[in-house]
Amino acid sequence: MVKLIIGGTGSGKTKELIDQVNAAVKEEKGSVVCISRGNKLTFDISHDARLIDAADYPVSDIAGLLGFVGGLHAGNYDITRVFIDGLYKIIGGKDAAKAEEFLVALDAFSSKHSVNFTVSLSEEPESATEGMKRFL
């Protein structure tokens, strides 16, 4: 399952994601991972979740991020939830078509490996593509 949190700047996406990460840590039997760019979530995310700064790794596009997620899972089969905060910041650009492609690929990964994903995206809801809307 892939869930998309979408909204413009200052709409509360990160706050909602933080709340979901902290709730998942309490509810999930497996490992919880949160990927973001920068260290702004360090004091907001429970220490029981693995917080990863994507800037520390060579992740600069959709293919790189998909490979990174696959590598995380290959190294730890106990991961059951992955949160990605600020997709456009991580991939270094705003491209709705690529974001949709990423979400579809994540959905296939989710089905195959039983990992649930939540992705936040700075995009006005009315600008979301039809493919993105299926993950809302």
Protein backbone atom coordinates (compact mmCIF):
# COMPACT_ATOMS: atom_id res chain seq x y z
CA MET A 1 0.00 0.00 0.00
CA VAL A 2 1.17 3.49 -0.84
CA LYS A 3 -0.42 6.53 0.78
CA LEU A 4 0.24 10.03 -0.51
CA ILE A 5 0.15 13.13 1.68
CA ILE A 6 -0.18 16.09 -0.64
CA GLY A 7 -0.51 19.82 -0.12
CA GLY A 8 1.12 23.16 -0.65
CA THR A 9 3.91 24.65 1.43
CA GLY A 10 2.81 25.17 5.04
CA SER A 11 -0.24 22.93 4.78
CA GLY A 12 0.84 20.56 7.58
CA LYS A 13 2.16 17.62 5.54
CA THR A 14 5.28 17.14 7.65
CA LYS A 15 3.32 17.37 10.92
CA GLU A 16 0.92 14.70 9.65
CA LEU A 17 3.84 12.50 8.57
CA ILE A 18 5.55 12.89 11.98
CA ASP A 19 2.33 11.87 13.74
CA GLN A 20 1.99 8.82 11.47
CA VAL A 21 5.62 7.76 12.02
CA ASN A 22 5.28 8.01 15.79
CA ALA A 23 1.98 6.08 15.72
CA ALA A 24 3.50 3.39 13.46
CA VAL A 25 6.39 2.87 15.90
CA LYS A 26 3.84 2.00 18.60
CA GLU A 27 1.63 -0.19 16.38
CA GLU A 28 3.95 -1.99 13.94
CA LYS A 29 5.60 -5.27 14.77
CA GLY A 30 8.37 -4.60 12.25
CA SER A 31 10.86 -1.79 11.70
CA VAL A 32 9.80 1.75 10.76
CA VAL A 33 11.98 3.92 8.53
CA CYS A 34 11.66 7.60 7.69
CA ILE A 35 13.63 9.09 4.79
CA SER A 36 13.95 12.87 4.51
CA ARG A 37 16.43 15.44 3.24
CA GLY A 38 18.20 17.24 6.07
CA ASN A 39 17.95 16.71 9.80
CA LYS A 40 14.85 18.78 10.63
CA LEU A 41 12.92 15.73 11.90
CA THR A 42 15.62 14.55 14.33
CA PHE A 43 13.83 15.69 17.49
CA ASP A 44 10.26 15.04 16.26
CA ILE A 45 10.55 11.40 15.21
CA SER A 46 10.61 8.69 17.88
CA HIS A 47 14.07 7.24 18.43
CA ASP A 48 12.53 3.82 17.74
CA ALA A 49 12.13 4.76 14.06
CA ARG A 50 15.16 4.79 11.78
CA LEU A 51 15.57 8.34 10.45
CA ILE A 52 17.69 8.54 7.30
CA ASP A 53 19.00 11.77 5.78
CA ALA A 54 18.92 11.15 2.02
CA ALA A 55 21.53 13.91 1.59
CA ASP A 56 24.09 11.54 3.13
CA TYR A 57 23.70 9.15 0.17
CA PRO A 58 23.92 9.54 -3.62
CA VAL A 59 20.16 9.76 -4.11
CA SER A 60 19.31 12.39 -6.70
CA ASP A 61 16.54 10.97 -8.86
CA ILE A 62 13.66 8.48 -8.94
CA ALA A 63 15.82 5.51 -9.96
CA GLY A 64 18.31 6.25 -7.20
CA LEU A 65 15.59 6.53 -4.58
CA LEU A 66 13.96 3.29 -5.71
CA GLY A 67 17.34 1.55 -5.54
CA PHE A 68 17.94 3.04 -2.10
CA VAL A 69 14.58 1.75 -0.82
CA GLY A 70 15.33 -1.67 -2.32
CA GLY A 71 18.72 -1.70 -0.62
CA LEU A 72 17.18 -0.80 2.74
CA HIS A 73 14.76 -3.69 2.42
CA ALA A 74 17.45 -6.11 1.27
CA GLY A 75 19.46 -5.23 4.37
CA ASN A 76 16.51 -5.53 6.75
CA TYR A 77 13.54 -7.75 5.85
CA ASP A 78 11.83 -6.65 9.08
CA ILE A 79 10.93 -3.22 7.63
CA THR A 80 7.15 -2.94 7.46
CA ARG A 81 6.67 0.84 7.06
CA VAL A 82 8.65 3.44 5.14
CA PHE A 83 7.87 7.14 5.25
CA ILE A 84 9.34 9.52 2.68
CA ASP A 85 9.15 13.21 3.59
CA GLY A 86 9.38 15.71 0.74
CA LEU A 87 9.75 13.59 -2.39
CA TYR A 88 10.62 16.58 -4.60
CA LYS A 89 13.37 17.69 -2.21
CA ILE A 90 14.92 14.24 -2.19
CA ILE A 91 14.91 13.81 -5.97
CA GLY A 92 16.02 17.39 -6.58
CA GLY A 93 13.18 18.73 -8.68
CA LYS A 94 9.46 19.08 -9.12
CA ASP A 95 8.16 16.73 -11.80
CA ALA A 96 4.64 15.36 -11.37
CA ALA A 97 5.09 12.70 -14.07
CA LYS A 98 8.21 11.32 -12.37
CA ALA A 99 6.50 11.46 -8.97
CA GLU A 100 3.60 9.43 -10.39
CA GLU A 101 6.06 6.93 -11.90
CA PHE A 102 7.76 6.62 -8.51
CA LEU A 103 4.46 6.02 -6.69
CA VAL A 104 3.47 3.30 -9.15
CA ALA A 105 6.86 1.59 -8.74
CA LEU A 106 6.56 1.85 -4.93
CA ASP A 107 3.11 0.29 -5.11
CA ALA A 108 4.50 -2.70 -7.02
CA PHE A 109 7.36 -2.99 -4.49
CA SER A 110 4.84 -2.78 -1.65
CA SER A 111 2.73 -5.59 -3.08
CA LYS A 112 5.72 -7.85 -3.62
CA HIS A 113 7.48 -7.26 -0.29
CA SER A 114 4.64 -6.38 2.14
CA VAL A 115 6.05 -2.94 2.99
CA ASN A 116 3.66 -0.02 3.37
CA PHE A 117 4.78 3.42 2.20
CA THR A 118 3.67 6.96 3.01
CA VAL A 119 5.05 9.75 0.83
CA SER A 120 4.64 13.49 1.33
CA LEU A 121 4.66 15.72 -1.72
CA SER A 122 4.58 19.51 -2.01
CA GLU A 123 1.97 19.86 -4.70
CA GLU A 124 -1.37 21.60 -4.71
CA PRO A 125 -4.06 18.88 -4.59
CA GLU A 126 -5.75 20.23 -7.73
CA SER A 127 -2.41 19.87 -9.60
CA ALA A 128 -2.13 16.17 -8.78
CA THR A 129 -2.16 13.83 -11.76
CA GLU A 130 -4.86 11.19 -12.09
CA GLY A 131 -2.25 8.55 -11.25
CA MET A 132 -1.34 10.38 -8.03
CA LYS A 133 -4.97 10.70 -6.98
CA ARG A 134 -5.31 6.94 -6.68
CA PHE A 135 -2.86 7.04 -3.74
CA LEU A 136 -4.70 9.76 -1.77
